[in-house]
């Protein structure tokens, strides 16, 4: 546990070495969403680290957090605070769903701090999101946090994140029940970023205008059967990061990392290798995006 940005934050890690890879989970998620990826990254000689965002998992809530405020956004302060508290020197930064949006905002809010950026089915680049997430933005749902939630609710949300629910690792079911109290924070976050119609246009447009400020190595990965944040949002990613590597992975839904762990890890690790070679060639000076010769590769 570490103290960052007014929250007591739980951190898990595996492996050792430099550079580190820092993983950011999505809304309603927790650090172990990255378990399968961390198990594959650590043997490559890298330190794999994930943490619970404030209000999720076992991390404490911060009242009045202005999650994506244009002037002083809360989430980038959390991510960079975790990096500083752990003494990480220019780690790779990886984010999924809401965590992808957090990562995209963090790399322009705290430039020259990150060795590379990986966005996994990131939120914020397209207006449309799953209906149940839009419903979570309704104010009156806050009253339901005082009511007991059936075990089936968390399981249903988890199943919606997989193209084939039979591939859900058992630990995610157990953790989903353990961390179901994060439901209240999920509602708070969704009220701040979305309406019943979708993502708030003013919020999305404000940060999209700044996305191009990031010019370092970038990878975007999507599960082809994602029903939560559509893979069609890749078009907006192409406009924001024209030199990014793009990967789509078949037979995978929103939680592509545990559903297709080998394919996802292979895409990520090969990208990290290239980013580190690029970084070494530049003498450790933050470089522009990976060359066009490896950009726009899809499968």
Protein backbone atom coordinates (compact mmCIF):
# COMPACT_ATOMS: atom_id res chain seq x y z
CA UNK A 1 0.00 0.00 0.00
CA UNK A 2 1.25 3.48 -0.89
CA UNK A 3 -0.16 6.95 -0.21
CA UNK A 4 -0.79 8.93 -3.42
CA UNK A 5 -3.04 11.90 -4.25
CA UNK A 6 -5.03 11.54 -1.05
CA UNK A 7 -5.69 7.82 -1.52
CA UNK A 8 -4.22 4.72 0.09
CA UNK A 9 -3.45 2.72 -3.03
CA UNK A 10 -2.92 -1.03 -3.30
CA UNK A 11 -0.11 -2.10 -5.63
CA UNK A 12 0.72 -5.57 -6.92
CA UNK A 13 3.83 -6.47 -8.87
CA UNK A 14 5.74 -9.31 -10.38
CA UNK A 15 9.31 -9.62 -11.60
CA UNK A 16 12.18 -7.17 -11.42
CA UNK A 17 14.38 -5.22 -13.74
CA UNK A 18 14.31 -2.03 -15.74
CA UNK A 19 12.37 -0.59 -17.40
CA UNK A 20 9.18 -1.23 -15.50
CA UNK A 21 5.73 -1.58 -17.04
CA UNK A 22 2.91 0.20 -15.20
CA UNK A 23 -0.63 -1.08 -15.85
CA UNK A 24 -3.87 0.91 -15.33
CA UNK A 25 -7.21 -0.95 -15.16
CA UNK A 26 -10.61 0.18 -16.40
CA UNK A 27 -13.83 1.35 -14.73
CA UNK A 28 -15.15 -1.22 -12.29
CA UNK A 29 -11.86 -3.10 -12.57
CA UNK A 30 -8.96 -3.89 -10.27
CA UNK A 31 -5.24 -4.57 -10.47
CA UNK A 32 -5.60 -8.31 -11.09
CA UNK A 33 -7.25 -7.63 -14.45
CA UNK A 34 -3.61 -7.65 -15.58
CA UNK A 35 -2.59 -10.94 -13.91
CA UNK A 36 -2.17 -12.94 -17.11
CA UNK A 37 -0.20 -10.14 -18.76
CA UNK A 38 2.06 -9.57 -15.75
CA UNK A 39 2.85 -13.29 -15.62
CA UNK A 40 4.12 -13.07 -19.19
CA UNK A 41 5.89 -9.70 -18.97
CA UNK A 42 7.88 -10.45 -15.80
CA UNK A 43 9.96 -13.29 -17.34
CA UNK A 44 11.22 -10.84 -20.00
CA UNK A 45 13.29 -9.08 -17.33
CA UNK A 46 10.84 -6.27 -16.69
CA UNK A 47 9.13 -5.23 -13.49
CA UNK A 48 5.35 -5.54 -14.02
CA UNK A 49 3.25 -3.34 -11.74
CA UNK A 50 -0.52 -2.81 -11.45
CA UNK A 51 -2.55 -0.89 -8.90
CA UNK A 52 -6.13 -0.23 -7.88
CA UNK A 53 -7.36 3.22 -8.90
CA UNK A 54 -8.81 5.24 -5.99
CA UNK A 55 -12.21 3.90 -5.02
CA UNK A 56 -11.63 0.58 -6.82
CA UNK A 57 -10.30 -2.71 -5.50
CA UNK A 58 -8.79 -2.02 -2.10
CA UNK A 59 -7.70 1.58 -2.77
CA UNK A 60 -9.54 4.25 -0.80
CA UNK A 61 -11.86 6.76 -2.39
CA UNK A 62 -10.92 10.44 -2.75
CA UNK A 63 -13.95 12.68 -2.25
CA UNK A 64 -14.56 15.42 -4.79
CA UNK A 65 -12.05 13.99 -7.26
CA UNK A 66 -12.15 15.89 -10.57
CA UNK A 67 -11.26 12.89 -12.66
CA UNK A 68 -10.52 14.51 -16.03
CA UNK A 69 -10.63 18.19 -15.17
CA UNK A 70 -9.03 20.24 -17.98
CA UNK A 71 -6.81 22.26 -15.63
CA UNK A 72 -5.93 19.88 -12.82
CA UNK A 73 -7.04 16.34 -13.75
CA UNK A 74 -7.09 13.92 -10.85
CA UNK A 75 -6.26 10.67 -12.62
CA UNK A 76 -2.94 11.77 -14.18
CA UNK A 77 -1.86 12.96 -10.73
CA UNK A 78 -2.63 9.48 -9.40
CA UNK A 79 -0.72 7.65 -12.14
CA UNK A 80 2.33 9.89 -11.97
CA UNK A 81 2.16 9.80 -8.18
CA UNK A 82 2.31 5.99 -8.24
CA UNK A 83 5.29 6.17 -10.58
CA UNK A 84 7.10 8.62 -8.28
CA UNK A 85 6.23 6.72 -5.08
CA UNK A 86 7.68 3.52 -6.54
CA UNK A 87 10.78 5.29 -7.87
CA UNK A 88 10.16 4.26 -11.48
CA UNK A 89 12.41 5.84 -14.11
CA UNK A 90 10.45 6.36 -17.35
CA UNK A 91 8.33 3.20 -17.23
CA UNK A 92 6.17 1.94 -20.05
CA UNK A 93 2.54 2.91 -19.43
CA UNK A 94 -0.35 0.60 -20.36
CA UNK A 95 -4.06 1.29 -19.84
CA UNK A 96 -7.29 -0.60 -20.54
CA UNK A 97 -10.72 0.95 -21.22
CA UNK A 98 -11.12 3.87 -18.79
CA UNK A 99 -7.47 3.20 -17.95
CA UNK A 100 -6.64 3.77 -21.61
CA UNK A 101 -8.27 7.17 -21.45
CA UNK A 102 -6.39 7.87 -18.23
CA UNK A 103 -3.10 6.90 -19.88
CA UNK A 104 -3.79 9.10 -22.92
CA UNK A 105 -4.41 12.09 -20.64
CA UNK A 106 -1.46 11.27 -18.39
CA UNK A 107 1.14 11.21 -21.17
CA UNK A 108 0.26 14.76 -22.24
CA UNK A 109 -0.15 16.03 -18.67
CA UNK A 110 3.20 14.61 -17.54
CA UNK A 111 5.36 14.55 -20.71
CA UNK A 112 8.88 13.11 -20.93
CA UNK A 113 8.05 10.74 -18.07
CA UNK A 114 7.03 7.63 -20.01
CA UNK A 115 9.01 5.34 -22.27
CA UNK A 116 5.99 4.26 -24.31
CA UNK A 117 2.19 4.23 -24.28
CA UNK A 118 -0.12 1.27 -24.88
CA UNK A 119 -3.88 1.75 -25.12
CA UNK A 120 -6.07 -1.34 -24.83
CA UNK A 121 -9.67 -0.80 -26.02
CA UNK A 122 -9.36 2.76 -24.67
CA UNK A 123 -12.35 4.84 -23.68
CA UNK A 124 -12.76 8.43 -24.78
CA UNK A 125 -11.92 8.25 -28.47
CA UNK A 126 -15.45 7.57 -29.71
CA UNK A 127 -18.82 8.74 -28.37
CA UNK A 128 -20.59 5.39 -28.13
CA UNK A 129 -20.22 2.96 -25.25
CA UNK A 130 -22.24 0.01 -23.96
CA UNK A 131 -25.79 0.78 -22.83
CA UNK A 132 -25.26 -0.44 -19.27
CA UNK A 133 -22.38 2.03 -18.84
CA UNK A 134 -24.58 4.86 -20.11
CA UNK A 135 -27.25 3.79 -17.64
CA UNK A 136 -24.66 3.97 -14.86
CA UNK A 137 -24.47 7.73 -15.50
CA UNK A 138 -28.07 8.26 -14.33
CA UNK A 139 -27.99 10.24 -11.04
CA UNK A 140 -30.72 8.27 -9.24
CA UNK A 141 -28.67 5.06 -9.43
CA UNK A 142 -26.54 6.45 -6.61
CA UNK A 143 -29.40 5.51 -4.30
CA UNK A 144 -28.92 1.85 -5.18
CA UNK A 145 -25.45 1.71 -3.62
CA UNK A 146 -27.13 1.30 -0.24
CA UNK A 147 -28.93 -1.84 -1.38
CA UNK A 148 -27.43 -5.33 -1.41
CA UNK A 149 -26.33 -6.35 -4.89
CA UNK A 150 -27.00 -9.88 -6.13
CA UNK A 151 -23.91 -11.93 -6.92
CA UNK A 152 -25.22 -12.30 -10.44
CA UNK A 153 -24.80 -8.57 -11.17
CA UNK A 154 -21.00 -8.54 -11.06
CA UNK A 155 -20.84 -11.86 -12.92
CA UNK A 156 -23.08 -10.52 -15.69
CA UNK A 157 -20.86 -7.47 -16.21
CA UNK A 158 -17.77 -9.66 -16.30
CA UNK A 159 -19.33 -12.02 -18.84
CA UNK A 160 -20.21 -9.07 -21.09
CA UNK A 161 -16.49 -8.28 -21.35
CA UNK A 162 -15.66 -11.63 -23.01
CA UNK A 163 -16.58 -12.90 -26.47
CA UNK A 164 -16.62 -16.42 -24.98
CA UNK A 165 -17.47 -16.47 -21.25
CA UNK A 166 -16.04 -19.98 -20.94
CA UNK A 167 -12.61 -18.36 -21.17
CA UNK A 168 -13.09 -16.23 -18.04
CA UNK A 169 -10.35 -17.12 -15.53
CA UNK A 170 -11.76 -18.30 -12.20
CA UNK A 171 -9.83 -15.66 -10.26
CA UNK A 172 -11.80 -12.86 -12.00
CA UNK A 173 -15.09 -14.25 -10.72
CA UNK A 174 -13.74 -14.41 -7.16
CA UNK A 175 -12.21 -10.95 -7.34
CA UNK A 176 -15.38 -9.52 -8.89
CA UNK A 177 -17.30 -10.56 -5.78
CA UNK A 178 -14.53 -9.42 -3.45
CA UNK A 179 -14.37 -5.94 -5.01
CA UNK A 180 -18.07 -5.43 -5.73
CA UNK A 181 -18.07 -2.52 -3.29
CA UNK A 182 -16.34 -0.56 -6.06
CA UNK A 183 -19.79 -0.25 -7.68
CA UNK A 184 -20.30 3.14 -6.02
CA UNK A 185 -17.10 4.54 -7.51
CA UNK A 186 -18.09 3.16 -10.92
CA UNK A 187 -21.29 5.21 -10.76
CA UNK A 188 -19.41 8.35 -9.71
CA UNK A 189 -16.92 8.02 -12.54
CA UNK A 190 -19.58 7.32 -15.16
CA UNK A 191 -21.64 10.32 -14.05
CA UNK A 192 -18.56 12.49 -14.58
CA UNK A 193 -17.66 11.21 -18.06
CA UNK A 194 -20.95 10.16 -19.68
CA UNK A 195 -24.66 10.76 -20.12
CA UNK A 196 -27.41 8.49 -21.35
CA UNK A 197 -26.39 9.49 -24.90
CA UNK A 198 -22.75 8.50 -24.51
CA UNK A 199 -19.49 10.17 -23.59
CA UNK A 200 -19.69 13.86 -22.77
CA UNK A 201 -18.68 15.68 -25.99
CA UNK A 202 -17.04 18.62 -24.23
CA UNK A 203 -14.82 16.34 -22.16
CA UNK A 204 -13.92 14.11 -25.10
CA UNK A 205 -13.18 17.01 -27.45
CA UNK A 206 -11.03 18.85 -24.91
CA UNK A 207 -8.63 15.95 -24.47
CA UNK A 208 -8.72 14.80 -28.11
CA UNK A 209 -7.38 18.22 -29.07
CA UNK A 210 -4.33 17.52 -26.92
CA UNK A 211 -3.75 13.89 -27.90
CA UNK A 212 -1.28 14.86 -30.63
CA UNK A 213 1.04 16.37 -28.03
CA UNK A 214 2.23 12.84 -27.33
CA UNK A 215 4.83 11.85 -29.93
CA UNK A 216 6.43 8.82 -28.32
CA UNK A 217 6.02 5.12 -29.20
CA UNK A 218 2.36 4.09 -29.14
CA UNK A 219 0.54 0.78 -29.43
CA UNK A 220 -3.24 0.32 -29.66
CA UNK A 221 -4.78 -3.13 -29.08
CA UNK A 222 -8.44 -4.12 -29.41
CA UNK A 223 -10.45 -7.31 -29.14
CA UNK A 224 -12.29 -7.69 -32.43
CA UNK A 225 -15.55 -8.74 -30.72
CA UNK A 226 -15.50 -5.95 -28.12
CA UNK A 227 -19.10 -5.14 -27.18
CA UNK A 228 -18.27 -2.50 -24.58
CA UNK A 229 -16.06 -0.02 -26.45
CA UNK A 230 -16.36 -0.79 -30.18
CA UNK A 231 -13.21 -1.54 -32.16
CA UNK A 232 -14.63 0.90 -34.74
CA UNK A 233 -13.12 3.62 -32.55
CA UNK A 234 -9.79 2.71 -34.13
CA UNK A 235 -10.50 5.37 -36.77
CA UNK A 236 -10.31 8.11 -34.14
CA UNK A 237 -7.09 6.56 -32.82
CA UNK A 238 -5.57 6.72 -36.31
CA UNK A 239 -6.26 10.45 -36.40
CA UNK A 240 -4.86 11.10 -32.92
CA UNK A 241 -1.79 8.86 -33.25
CA UNK A 242 -0.96 8.48 -36.98
CA UNK A 243 2.28 6.61 -36.25
CA UNK A 244 0.87 4.21 -33.66
CA UNK A 245 1.00 0.47 -34.13
CA UNK A 246 -2.51 -0.95 -34.33
CA UNK A 247 -3.43 -4.51 -33.37
CA UNK A 248 -6.79 -6.25 -33.39
CA UNK A 249 -7.02 -9.69 -31.79
CA UNK A 250 -9.72 -12.11 -32.90
CA UNK A 251 -11.97 -14.17 -30.62
CA UNK A 252 -11.63 -11.54 -27.91
CA UNK A 253 -14.01 -9.11 -26.25
CA UNK A 254 -13.35 -6.08 -24.10
CA UNK A 255 -11.04 -7.83 -21.62
CA UNK A 256 -8.74 -9.00 -24.38
CA UNK A 257 -5.81 -9.41 -21.96
CA UNK A 258 -7.17 -12.43 -20.00
CA UNK A 259 -9.29 -13.77 -22.87
CA UNK A 260 -6.37 -14.08 -25.31
CA UNK A 261 -3.39 -13.78 -22.95
CA UNK A 262 -0.72 -15.21 -25.25
CA UNK A 263 -1.72 -13.16 -28.30
CA UNK A 264 -2.03 -9.99 -26.23
CA UNK A 265 1.28 -10.48 -24.43
CA UNK A 266 3.06 -11.26 -27.69
CA UNK A 267 1.83 -7.99 -29.23
CA UNK A 268 2.74 -6.00 -26.13
CA UNK A 269 6.18 -7.51 -25.48
CA UNK A 270 7.34 -7.16 -29.07
CA UNK A 271 6.26 -3.51 -28.98
CA UNK A 272 8.12 -2.93 -25.70
CA UNK A 273 11.24 -4.43 -27.25
CA UNK A 274 11.05 -2.05 -30.21
CA UNK A 275 10.34 0.95 -28.02
CA UNK A 276 13.36 0.16 -25.84
CA UNK A 277 15.65 -0.24 -28.85
CA UNK A 278 14.40 3.09 -30.14
CA UNK A 279 14.99 4.64 -26.73
CA UNK A 280 18.53 3.26 -26.54
CA UNK A 281 19.32 4.59 -30.00
CA UNK A 282 18.24 8.07 -28.91
CA UNK A 283 20.39 7.95 -25.80
CA UNK A 284 17.41 7.86 -23.46
CA UNK A 285 15.99 11.11 -24.78
CA UNK A 286 12.21 10.83 -25.26
CA UNK A 287 11.80 10.14 -28.96
CA UNK A 288 9.15 10.68 -31.57
CA UNK A 289 6.80 7.88 -32.52
CA UNK A 290 8.14 4.59 -33.77
CA UNK A 291 8.94 4.84 -37.45
CA UNK A 292 6.26 4.42 -40.07
CA UNK A 293 7.83 1.14 -41.15
CA UNK A 294 6.22 -0.57 -38.19
CA UNK A 295 3.11 1.57 -38.00
CA UNK A 296 -0.44 0.65 -38.98
CA UNK A 297 0.18 -3.08 -38.79
CA UNK A 298 -3.10 -4.85 -38.09
CA UNK A 299 -4.05 -8.45 -37.72
